[in-house]
């Protein structure tokens, strides 16, 4: 099954809640700093990433499209 990677540059998040509204199963708003948090993501130098399967692509893509600061990116994962 094809996999993708979603990456969020969390430091640049403005806390608008758009990604949470689009895909609340995978995004949460932090009560500590008011920024969106990608559920179960791994932090590498401020870039939070996780993999997902093709059936989730539409929801993650909508979250990326609705982000006003364009800090959510999706890429194909090569095995």
N, C-alpha and C. Protein backbone atom coordinates (compact mmCIF):
# COMPACT_ATOMS: atom_id res chain seq x y z
N UNK A 1 0.85 -1.18 0.00
CA UNK A 1 0.00 0.00 0.00
C UNK A 1 0.89 1.25 0.00
N UNK A 2 0.54 2.18 -0.86
CA UNK A 2 1.33 3.40 -0.98
C UNK A 2 1.24 4.23 0.30
N UNK A 3 2.38 4.77 0.71
CA UNK A 3 2.41 5.62 1.89
C UNK A 3 2.88 7.02 1.52
N UNK A 4 2.46 7.95 2.35
CA UNK A 4 2.83 9.35 2.20
C UNK A 4 3.38 9.85 3.53
N UNK A 5 4.05 10.99 3.48
CA UNK A 5 4.54 11.64 4.68
C UNK A 5 3.94 13.04 4.74
N UNK A 6 3.42 13.40 5.91
CA UNK A 6 2.95 14.77 6.14
C UNK A 6 3.92 15.41 7.12
N UNK A 7 4.32 16.63 6.81
CA UNK A 7 5.28 17.35 7.64
C UNK A 7 4.73 18.73 7.96
N UNK A 8 4.88 19.11 9.22
CA UNK A 8 4.42 20.41 9.70
C UNK A 8 5.62 21.16 10.29
N UNK A 9 5.81 22.39 9.86
CA UNK A 9 6.83 23.25 10.46
C UNK A 9 6.15 24.00 11.60
N UNK A 10 6.07 23.32 12.74
CA UNK A 10 5.23 23.75 13.85
C UNK A 10 5.57 25.14 14.40
N UNK A 11 6.83 25.50 14.40
CA UNK A 11 7.24 26.80 14.96
C UNK A 11 6.55 27.96 14.26
N UNK A 12 6.23 27.79 12.98
CA UNK A 12 5.59 28.85 12.21
C UNK A 12 4.07 28.82 12.27
N UNK A 13 3.51 27.88 13.03
CA UNK A 13 2.06 27.77 13.18
C UNK A 13 1.52 29.03 13.86
N UNK A 14 0.39 29.54 13.34
CA UNK A 14 -0.23 30.74 13.93
C UNK A 14 -1.45 30.38 14.78
N UNK A 15 -1.75 29.08 14.89
CA UNK A 15 -2.85 28.65 15.76
C UNK A 15 -4.23 28.97 15.24
N UNK A 16 -4.42 28.96 13.94
CA UNK A 16 -5.73 29.33 13.37
C UNK A 16 -6.77 28.21 13.49
N UNK A 17 -6.34 26.98 13.75
CA UNK A 17 -7.23 25.84 13.98
C UNK A 17 -7.77 25.22 12.69
N UNK A 18 -7.36 25.67 11.52
CA UNK A 18 -7.91 25.16 10.25
C UNK A 18 -7.65 23.67 10.08
N UNK A 19 -6.45 23.21 10.37
CA UNK A 19 -6.13 21.79 10.19
C UNK A 19 -6.95 20.92 11.15
N UNK A 20 -7.17 21.41 12.34
CA UNK A 20 -7.96 20.67 13.34
C UNK A 20 -9.41 20.56 12.87
N UNK A 21 -9.95 21.63 12.32
CA UNK A 21 -11.32 21.61 11.83
C UNK A 21 -11.49 20.64 10.66
N UNK A 22 -10.50 20.56 9.80
CA UNK A 22 -10.56 19.68 8.63
C UNK A 22 -10.34 18.22 9.01
N UNK A 23 -9.39 17.95 9.92
CA UNK A 23 -9.03 16.56 10.24
C UNK A 23 -8.73 16.41 11.73
N UNK A 24 -9.77 16.50 12.56
CA UNK A 24 -9.56 16.48 14.02
C UNK A 24 -9.00 15.17 14.56
N UNK A 25 -9.07 14.10 13.78
CA UNK A 25 -8.50 12.83 14.23
C UNK A 25 -6.97 12.86 14.24
N UNK A 26 -6.38 13.75 13.46
CA UNK A 26 -4.92 13.79 13.34
C UNK A 26 -4.27 15.09 13.79
N UNK A 27 -5.07 16.09 14.14
CA UNK A 27 -4.53 17.38 14.59
C UNK A 27 -5.19 17.78 15.90
N UNK A 28 -4.42 18.38 16.79
CA UNK A 28 -4.93 18.89 18.06
C UNK A 28 -4.33 20.28 18.30
N UNK A 29 -5.07 21.10 19.03
CA UNK A 29 -4.53 22.40 19.42
C UNK A 29 -3.89 22.24 20.79
N UNK A 30 -2.67 22.72 20.93
CA UNK A 30 -1.96 22.64 22.19
C UNK A 30 -2.47 23.70 23.15
N UNK A 31 -2.77 23.29 24.37
CA UNK A 31 -3.18 24.26 25.38
C UNK A 31 -1.98 25.00 25.94
N UNK A 32 -0.78 24.46 25.74
CA UNK A 32 0.43 25.11 26.24
C UNK A 32 0.81 26.34 25.43
N UNK A 33 0.79 26.21 24.08
CA UNK A 33 1.24 27.35 23.27
C UNK A 33 0.25 27.79 22.19
N UNK A 34 -0.92 27.15 22.11
CA UNK A 34 -1.94 27.57 21.16
C UNK A 34 -1.67 27.20 19.72
N UNK A 35 -0.70 26.32 19.48
CA UNK A 35 -0.37 25.91 18.12
C UNK A 35 -0.92 24.51 17.85
N UNK A 36 -1.09 24.21 16.57
CA UNK A 36 -1.57 22.89 16.17
C UNK A 36 -0.46 21.86 16.35
N UNK A 37 -0.88 20.67 16.76
CA UNK A 37 0.05 19.56 16.96
C UNK A 37 -0.40 18.39 16.09
N UNK A 38 0.51 17.86 15.32
CA UNK A 38 0.24 16.69 14.49
C UNK A 38 0.35 15.45 15.38
N UNK A 39 -0.74 14.70 15.49
CA UNK A 39 -0.81 13.55 16.39
C UNK A 39 0.22 12.49 15.97
N UNK A 40 0.97 12.00 16.95
CA UNK A 40 1.98 10.94 16.79
C UNK A 40 3.10 11.30 15.82
N UNK A 41 3.41 12.56 15.71
CA UNK A 41 4.48 12.99 14.81
C UNK A 41 5.84 12.93 15.50
N UNK A 42 6.86 12.76 14.70
CA UNK A 42 8.23 12.75 15.19
C UNK A 42 8.86 14.10 14.86
N UNK A 43 9.50 14.73 15.85
CA UNK A 43 10.13 16.04 15.68
C UNK A 43 11.58 15.87 15.25
N UNK A 44 11.91 16.46 14.12
CA UNK A 44 13.30 16.52 13.66
C UNK A 44 13.61 17.96 13.33
N UNK A 45 14.27 18.63 14.27
CA UNK A 45 14.70 20.02 14.10
C UNK A 45 13.54 20.96 13.76
N UNK A 46 12.43 20.80 14.45
CA UNK A 46 11.29 21.69 14.27
C UNK A 46 10.31 21.27 13.19
N UNK A 47 10.61 20.19 12.49
CA UNK A 47 9.72 19.65 11.47
C UNK A 47 9.10 18.38 12.04
N UNK A 48 7.78 18.40 12.19
CA UNK A 48 7.05 17.27 12.77
C UNK A 48 6.46 16.44 11.63
N UNK A 49 6.78 15.16 11.60
CA UNK A 49 6.36 14.31 10.49
C UNK A 49 5.76 13.00 10.97
N UNK A 50 4.87 12.48 10.13
CA UNK A 50 4.30 11.15 10.33
C UNK A 50 3.93 10.60 8.96
N UNK A 51 3.82 9.27 8.88
CA UNK A 51 3.42 8.65 7.62
C UNK A 51 1.94 8.30 7.68
N UNK A 52 1.35 8.19 6.51
CA UNK A 52 -0.06 7.81 6.43
C UNK A 52 -0.31 7.08 5.11
N UNK A 53 -1.44 6.41 5.03
CA UNK A 53 -1.80 5.64 3.84
C UNK A 53 -2.69 6.44 2.90
N UNK A 54 -2.84 5.94 1.70
CA UNK A 54 -3.55 6.64 0.63
C UNK A 54 -4.98 7.03 1.01
N UNK A 55 -5.66 6.20 1.80
CA UNK A 55 -7.05 6.52 2.14
C UNK A 55 -7.18 7.78 3.00
N UNK A 56 -6.08 8.24 3.60
CA UNK A 56 -6.09 9.48 4.40
C UNK A 56 -5.62 10.69 3.61
N UNK A 57 -5.22 10.49 2.37
CA UNK A 57 -4.61 11.56 1.59
C UNK A 57 -5.53 12.78 1.45
N UNK A 58 -6.78 12.54 1.14
CA UNK A 58 -7.71 13.66 0.92
C UNK A 58 -7.81 14.56 2.16
N UNK A 59 -7.94 13.96 3.34
CA UNK A 59 -8.08 14.76 4.57
C UNK A 59 -6.79 15.53 4.88
N UNK A 60 -5.63 14.88 4.75
CA UNK A 60 -4.38 15.60 5.00
C UNK A 60 -4.16 16.69 3.96
N UNK A 61 -4.52 16.43 2.71
CA UNK A 61 -4.38 17.43 1.66
C UNK A 61 -5.27 18.65 1.93
N UNK A 62 -6.49 18.41 2.40
CA UNK A 62 -7.37 19.52 2.75
C UNK A 62 -6.78 20.36 3.89
N UNK A 63 -6.20 19.68 4.88
CA UNK A 63 -5.57 20.42 5.99
C UNK A 63 -4.44 21.30 5.45
N UNK A 64 -3.63 20.75 4.55
CA UNK A 64 -2.53 21.52 3.96
C UNK A 64 -3.05 22.70 3.15
N UNK A 65 -4.10 22.48 2.39
CA UNK A 65 -4.67 23.56 1.57
C UNK A 65 -5.27 24.68 2.41
N UNK A 66 -5.86 24.32 3.54
CA UNK A 66 -6.52 25.32 4.39
C UNK A 66 -5.56 26.07 5.32
N UNK A 67 -4.32 25.61 5.42
CA UNK A 67 -3.34 26.27 6.28
C UNK A 67 -2.96 27.63 5.67
N UNK A 68 -3.28 28.74 6.35
CA UNK A 68 -3.00 30.05 5.76
C UNK A 68 -1.52 30.40 5.67
N UNK A 69 -0.67 29.74 6.46
CA UNK A 69 0.76 30.02 6.41
C UNK A 69 1.54 28.94 5.66
N UNK A 70 0.82 27.97 5.10
CA UNK A 70 1.39 26.94 4.22
C UNK A 70 2.58 26.21 4.84
N UNK A 71 2.40 25.73 6.08
CA UNK A 71 3.48 25.03 6.78
C UNK A 71 3.26 23.52 6.84
N UNK A 72 2.23 23.03 6.13
CA UNK A 72 1.95 21.59 6.07
C UNK A 72 2.25 21.12 4.66
N UNK A 73 3.14 20.12 4.56
CA UNK A 73 3.53 19.59 3.27
C UNK A 73 3.33 18.09 3.23
N UNK A 74 2.97 17.59 2.06
CA UNK A 74 2.75 16.16 1.86
C UNK A 74 3.70 15.69 0.75
N UNK A 75 4.31 14.53 0.99
CA UNK A 75 5.18 13.94 -0.02
C UNK A 75 4.96 12.43 -0.06
N UNK A 76 5.31 11.83 -1.20
CA UNK A 76 5.23 10.38 -1.32
C UNK A 76 6.39 9.76 -0.61
N UNK A 77 6.13 8.64 0.03
CA UNK A 77 7.20 7.91 0.71
C UNK A 77 7.66 6.79 -0.20
N UNK A 78 8.95 6.77 -0.47
CA UNK A 78 9.52 5.74 -1.35
C UNK A 78 10.07 4.61 -0.49
N UNK A 79 9.64 3.41 -0.81
CA UNK A 79 10.10 2.24 -0.06
C UNK A 79 11.47 1.80 -0.51
